[in-house]
Amino acid sequence: MELRNRRLSLRGLRAFCIAAEQDSFREAAEMLFITPSAVSHQIKSLEQEIGTQLFERRPRSISLSQAGELLYEDIRPLIEQLDAVASRHRLAQSRSILRISVQPFFASEQFIPGLDEFTKQHPEIDIKVDTSDESGEKHASTVDVSIRIFSKMPDSLAAYRLFALKLLPAASPELCRKIRPGSSNKVETFTRLVHESRPNAWKDWATSSGIRLPEESRLMRLDSMIAVARAAERGLGVALVPAQLSDAWFESGALAPLFSHELVTKDAFYFVCRTEDESRDEVRRLRDWVLQKFGDKA
């Protein structure tokens, strides 16, 4: 069918298709939430634009004319494509985006490996994870949710405690054998790997364990827990690593505990967000998953 060289009304074409499928202007009007007279007016305008009659009108019924049947066959697939495009864009606009800040060691050892489970459960939520900030006691204004270390529950944020931070001395298996010959608690001199944010951790560990460490031990200071663990893996010294986050290192044989005693610190990992964000559906879903997945690790 050859149409005149003018722009046709999409609204009129949609009304035409629905009226053709229902054989009724009245039922088409109900589906479009407009009046039957509005449908009739749109069809008449379309017929004028095309220059041919599209419906055979009878006192109590309508039916497609031959020209109407040809137009319907051409137009209906296009309307369906437009509806599909509109649906995809509505879905894209309705997707939720969660910006999450996670301290790097927790992210690499626990959060990222487990995140696939959450995204499969909630495919409608897009995730953006920032693991660049090693510091604790903060919640950046640029993110929606943080999983960070705090010395106490923050008053100004919605906060949920996950587990206490426990530190365990670990080194490469080869270095452990050199430092602790036999089964005694006597240890040879070794390099202590120190996280810069915890300069007194080794002193606190020695006090709580009752194990006397060599006073002449060297120190190597590093600015991230990942760097501390990697240095221990390479045999550069002994590190105090987060006991709950280092299972993969121990299971693979990359690290081995030098002693079994764990230093229970005053710090803990918390899930935090702004109080005004706590009621957001995507925040609640992530919170519930994080608490179930990582919470209450003693």
Protein backbone atom coordinates (compact mmCIF):
# COMPACT_ATOMS: atom_id res chain seq x y z
CA MET A 1 0.00 0.00 0.00
CA GLU A 2 1.44 3.38 -0.98
CA LEU A 3 1.00 6.12 1.64
CA ARG A 4 1.02 9.82 0.97
CA ASN A 5 4.27 11.63 1.67
CA ARG A 6 3.29 13.02 5.07
CA ARG A 7 3.95 12.10 8.69
CA LEU A 8 1.29 9.77 10.09
CA SER A 9 0.06 10.03 13.65
CA LEU A 10 1.55 7.27 15.81
CA ARG A 11 -1.40 7.66 18.17
CA GLY A 12 -3.78 7.17 15.26
CA LEU A 13 -1.90 4.12 14.03
CA ARG A 14 -1.99 2.55 17.50
CA ALA A 15 -5.73 3.23 17.82
CA PHE A 16 -6.24 1.75 14.34
CA CYS A 17 -4.40 -1.49 15.24
CA ILE A 18 -6.32 -1.99 18.49
CA ALA A 19 -9.67 -1.22 16.84
CA ALA A 20 -8.81 -3.71 14.07
CA GLU A 21 -8.01 -6.41 16.63
CA GLN A 22 -11.14 -5.76 18.68
CA ASP A 23 -13.53 -5.04 15.75
CA SER A 24 -14.85 -2.23 17.92
CA PHE A 25 -14.13 1.45 18.50
CA ARG A 26 -15.70 1.17 21.97
CA GLU A 27 -13.45 -1.67 23.14
CA ALA A 28 -10.42 0.05 21.65
CA ALA A 29 -11.34 3.18 23.61
CA GLU A 30 -11.48 1.17 26.85
CA MET A 31 -8.03 -0.27 26.22
CA LEU A 32 -6.60 3.16 25.40
CA PHE A 33 -8.42 4.92 28.27
CA ILE A 34 -10.07 7.43 25.94
CA THR A 35 -13.62 7.88 24.63
CA PRO A 36 -15.07 6.00 21.63
CA SER A 37 -15.55 9.32 19.86
CA ALA A 38 -11.82 10.06 20.31
CA VAL A 39 -10.96 6.72 18.71
CA SER A 40 -13.38 7.39 15.86
CA HIS A 41 -11.83 10.85 15.35
CA GLN A 42 -8.28 9.41 15.27
CA ILE A 43 -9.30 6.77 12.72
CA LYS A 44 -10.99 9.37 10.50
CA SER A 45 -7.89 11.57 10.63
CA LEU A 46 -5.74 8.58 9.69
CA GLU A 47 -8.01 7.76 6.77
CA GLN A 48 -7.74 11.36 5.57
CA GLU A 49 -3.95 11.26 5.85
CA ILE A 50 -3.76 7.99 3.92
CA GLY A 51 -6.51 8.88 1.48
CA THR A 52 -8.54 5.70 1.78
CA GLN A 53 -11.19 4.11 3.97
CA LEU A 54 -9.81 1.64 6.51
CA PHE A 55 -13.01 0.30 8.07
CA GLU A 56 -16.40 -0.77 6.80
CA ARG A 57 -18.80 0.89 9.22
CA ARG A 58 -22.17 -0.70 9.98
CA PRO A 59 -24.82 0.35 12.53
CA ARG A 60 -23.63 -2.11 15.21
CA SER A 61 -20.21 -3.26 14.01
CA ILE A 62 -17.06 -2.41 12.08
CA SER A 63 -14.66 -4.51 10.03
CA LEU A 64 -11.46 -3.82 8.15
CA SER A 65 -11.66 -2.81 4.54
CA GLN A 66 -9.28 -4.40 2.08
CA ALA A 67 -7.00 -1.36 2.38
CA GLY A 68 -7.29 -1.60 6.17
CA GLU A 69 -6.18 -5.22 6.14
CA LEU A 70 -3.10 -4.36 4.10
CA LEU A 71 -2.23 -1.45 6.40
CA TYR A 72 -2.68 -3.61 9.51
CA GLU A 73 -0.30 -6.27 8.15
CA ASP A 74 2.35 -3.57 7.57
CA ILE A 75 1.84 -1.52 10.73
CA ARG A 76 1.26 -4.10 13.49
CA PRO A 77 4.87 -5.46 13.51
CA LEU A 78 6.20 -1.89 13.67
CA ILE A 79 3.96 -1.03 16.64
CA GLU A 80 5.17 -4.16 18.43
CA GLN A 81 8.80 -3.16 17.83
CA LEU A 82 8.15 0.33 19.19
CA ASP A 83 6.48 -1.15 22.28
CA ALA A 84 9.49 -3.43 22.85
CA VAL A 85 11.92 -0.49 22.54
CA ALA A 86 9.86 1.59 24.98
CA SER A 87 9.73 -1.33 27.42
CA ARG A 88 13.51 -1.75 27.34
CA HIS A 89 14.06 1.92 28.02
CA ARG A 90 11.56 1.94 30.88
CA LEU A 91 13.38 -1.03 32.39
CA ALA A 92 16.74 0.73 32.03
CA GLN A 93 15.39 3.84 33.73
CA SER A 94 13.88 1.79 36.55
CA ARG A 95 17.12 -0.08 37.39
CA SER A 96 18.65 0.70 40.74
CA ILE A 97 22.34 1.53 41.11
CA LEU A 98 24.14 0.89 44.39
CA ARG A 99 27.50 2.55 45.00
CA ILE A 100 29.43 0.58 47.61
CA SER A 101 32.73 1.34 49.33
CA VAL A 102 34.46 -1.73 50.77
CA GLN A 103 37.87 -1.86 52.43
CA PRO A 104 40.24 -3.64 50.02
CA PHE A 105 41.13 -6.79 51.97
CA PHE A 106 37.51 -7.54 52.90
CA ALA A 107 36.53 -6.86 49.28
CA SER A 108 39.14 -9.17 47.75
CA GLU A 109 38.76 -12.05 50.20
CA GLN A 110 35.04 -12.06 50.97
CA PHE A 111 32.79 -9.47 49.35
CA ILE A 112 33.76 -9.73 45.67
CA PRO A 113 33.96 -13.56 45.62
CA GLY A 114 30.46 -13.74 47.11
CA LEU A 115 28.87 -10.90 45.15
CA ASP A 116 27.78 -13.14 42.28
CA GLU A 117 25.23 -14.69 44.62
CA PHE A 118 23.63 -11.29 45.33
CA THR A 119 23.55 -10.19 41.69
CA LYS A 120 21.86 -13.45 40.68
CA GLN A 121 19.23 -12.94 43.37
CA HIS A 122 18.71 -9.29 42.37
CA PRO A 123 19.48 -8.83 38.66
CA GLU A 124 17.55 -5.55 38.65
CA ILE A 125 20.20 -3.87 40.84
CA ASP A 126 23.39 -2.55 39.26
CA ILE A 127 26.47 -2.56 41.51
CA LYS A 128 29.44 -0.20 41.55
CA VAL A 129 32.14 -1.19 44.06
CA ASP A 130 34.97 1.09 45.19
CA THR A 131 37.87 -0.74 46.89
CA SER A 132 40.44 2.07 46.73
CA ASP A 133 40.11 3.37 50.30
CA GLU A 134 42.00 1.49 53.02
CA SER A 135 41.00 3.80 55.88
CA GLY A 136 38.33 3.06 58.45
CA GLU A 137 35.97 5.10 60.60
CA LYS A 138 34.32 6.84 57.63
CA HIS A 139 31.49 6.75 55.11
CA ALA A 140 32.16 8.68 51.92
CA SER A 141 29.49 11.09 50.68
CA THR A 142 29.94 9.74 47.15
CA VAL A 143 28.65 6.23 47.97
CA ASP A 144 25.38 4.74 49.20
CA VAL A 145 26.77 1.96 51.40
CA SER A 146 30.09 1.24 53.11
CA ILE A 147 31.53 -1.89 54.69
CA ARG A 148 34.31 -0.59 56.90
CA ILE A 149 36.10 -0.98 60.21
CA PHE A 150 34.93 1.13 63.15
CA SER A 151 36.15 1.12 66.74
CA LYS A 152 32.55 1.59 67.92
CA MET A 153 29.13 1.82 66.34
CA PRO A 154 28.90 5.22 64.59
CA ASP A 155 26.16 7.45 65.99
CA SER A 156 25.50 9.49 62.85
CA LEU A 157 24.90 6.54 60.50
CA ALA A 158 22.60 3.55 60.19
CA ALA A 159 25.08 0.84 61.22
CA TYR A 160 24.99 -2.95 61.49
CA ARG A 161 27.83 -4.85 63.12
CA LEU A 162 29.21 -7.78 61.13
CA PHE A 163 32.08 -9.25 63.18
CA ALA A 164 35.00 -8.27 65.39
CA LEU A 165 38.41 -7.89 63.81
CA LYS A 166 40.78 -10.63 65.02
CA LEU A 167 44.46 -10.66 64.06
CA LEU A 168 46.52 -13.83 63.69
CA PRO A 169 50.30 -14.03 63.08
CA ALA A 170 51.00 -15.73 59.75
CA ALA A 171 53.88 -16.25 57.35
CA SER A 172 54.92 -18.50 54.51
CA PRO A 173 55.08 -22.16 55.62
CA GLU A 174 58.85 -22.22 55.00
CA LEU A 175 59.45 -19.17 57.17
CA CYS A 176 57.21 -20.56 59.92
CA ARG A 177 59.40 -23.67 60.09
CA LYS A 178 62.56 -21.56 60.38
CA ILE A 179 61.12 -19.27 63.07
CA ARG A 180 59.59 -22.01 65.24
CA PRO A 181 61.86 -25.05 65.28
CA GLY A 182 60.16 -27.96 67.01
CA SER A 183 56.98 -27.45 69.03
CA SER A 184 58.19 -24.94 71.62
CA ASN A 185 57.03 -21.37 71.90
CA LYS A 186 60.60 -20.20 71.43
CA VAL A 187 60.96 -18.25 68.20
CA GLU A 188 63.91 -17.04 66.20
CA THR A 189 64.28 -13.41 65.21
CA PHE A 190 62.00 -12.42 62.35
CA THR A 191 60.86 -9.34 60.50
CA ARG A 192 57.51 -8.03 61.73
CA LEU A 193 55.29 -6.82 58.94
CA VAL A 194 53.31 -3.87 60.23
CA HIS A 195 50.17 -2.28 58.83
CA GLU A 196 50.74 1.47 59.21
CA SER A 197 47.25 1.99 60.65
CA ARG A 198 48.02 -0.52 63.45
CA PRO A 199 51.54 0.30 64.71
CA ASN A 200 50.90 -1.26 68.16
CA ALA A 201 49.23 -4.47 66.98
CA TRP A 202 52.27 -6.68 67.53
CA LYS A 203 52.75 -5.34 71.08
CA ASP A 204 49.07 -5.94 71.84
CA TRP A 205 49.25 -9.45 70.41
CA ALA A 206 52.31 -10.34 72.51
CA THR A 207 50.64 -9.00 75.67
CA SER A 208 47.38 -10.91 75.09
CA SER A 209 49.12 -14.15 74.09
CA GLY A 210 51.77 -14.18 76.81
CA ILE A 211 54.36 -15.10 74.18
CA ARG A 212 57.59 -13.14 74.37
CA LEU A 213 58.81 -12.02 70.97
CA PRO A 214 62.47 -11.26 70.16
CA GLU A 215 63.10 -7.60 70.98
CA GLU A 216 65.58 -7.13 68.15
CA SER A 217 63.03 -7.99 65.45
CA ARG A 218 63.09 -5.75 62.40
CA LEU A 219 60.03 -3.87 61.19
CA MET A 220 58.67 -3.46 57.68
CA ARG A 221 55.78 -1.00 57.40
CA LEU A 222 53.18 -1.25 54.62
CA ASP A 223 50.14 0.86 53.87
CA SER A 224 47.53 -1.80 53.03
CA MET A 225 46.49 -5.17 54.43
CA ILE A 226 46.77 -6.73 50.98
CA ALA A 227 50.40 -5.56 50.79
CA VAL A 228 51.04 -6.95 54.28
CA ALA A 229 49.64 -10.36 53.33
CA ARG A 230 51.53 -10.44 50.03
CA ALA A 231 54.80 -9.61 51.79
CA ALA A 232 54.19 -12.45 54.24
CA GLU A 233 53.42 -14.81 51.36
CA ARG A 234 56.75 -13.92 49.75
CA GLY A 235 58.62 -14.81 52.94
CA LEU A 236 59.57 -11.23 53.82
CA GLY A 237 58.34 -11.54 57.39
CA VAL A 238 55.43 -12.37 59.66
CA ALA A 239 52.15 -10.46 59.39
CA LEU A 240 49.15 -10.04 61.65
CA VAL A 241 46.33 -10.83 59.22
CA PRO A 242 42.56 -10.71 59.78
CA ALA A 243 41.79 -14.26 60.92
CA GLN A 244 38.23 -14.35 59.49
CA LEU A 245 39.32 -13.05 56.09
CA SER A 246 42.36 -15.23 55.45
CA ASP A 247 40.85 -18.70 55.00
CA ALA A 248 41.74 -18.85 51.30
CA TRP A 249 45.39 -18.00 52.07
CA PHE A 250 45.63 -20.79 54.66
CA GLU A 251 43.72 -23.36 52.59
CA SER A 252 45.95 -22.76 49.56
CA GLY A 253 49.14 -23.03 51.61
CA ALA A 254 50.24 -19.49 50.72
CA LEU A 255 50.28 -18.65 54.44
CA ALA A 256 50.42 -20.65 57.64
CA PRO A 257 49.68 -19.53 61.22
CA LEU A 258 52.83 -18.95 63.26
CA PHE A 259 50.78 -19.31 66.48
CA SER A 260 47.12 -20.12 67.02
CA HIS A 261 46.44 -17.21 69.37
CA GLU A 262 44.24 -14.48 67.89
CA LEU A 263 44.28 -10.87 69.04
CA VAL A 264 40.68 -9.74 69.49
CA THR A 265 40.77 -6.02 68.72
CA LYS A 266 38.27 -3.40 69.80
CA ASP A 267 37.41 -2.85 66.14
CA ALA A 268 34.71 -4.49 64.04
CA PHE A 269 33.44 -4.49 60.50
CA TYR A 270 30.16 -2.63 60.04
CA PHE A 271 27.65 -2.23 57.25
CA VAL A 272 26.80 1.48 57.25
CA CYS A 273 24.72 3.94 55.25
CA ARG A 274 23.08 7.30 55.76
CA THR A 275 19.91 7.10 57.84
CA GLU A 276 17.87 8.60 54.99
CA ASP A 277 19.08 5.84 52.64
CA GLU A 278 18.29 2.95 54.97
CA SER A 279 14.69 2.61 53.73
CA ARG A 280 15.67 2.35 50.05
CA ASP A 281 14.70 -1.05 48.73
CA GLU A 282 18.07 -1.82 47.14
CA VAL A 283 19.93 -0.80 50.30
CA ARG A 284 17.72 -3.02 52.45
CA ARG A 285 18.22 -5.97 50.10
CA LEU A 286 22.02 -5.59 50.18
CA ARG A 287 22.02 -5.10 53.96
CA ASP A 288 20.01 -8.28 54.53
CA TRP A 289 22.29 -10.26 52.22
CA VAL A 290 25.49 -8.92 53.82
CA LEU A 291 24.25 -9.65 57.34
CA GLN A 292 23.23 -13.18 56.37
CA LYS A 293 26.45 -13.82 54.42
CA PHE A 294 29.08 -12.23 56.65
CA GLY A 295 27.47 -11.30 59.95
CA ASP A 296 28.08 -12.75 63.42
CA LYS A 297 31.46 -14.31 62.69
CA ALA A 298 32.94 -14.88 66.09
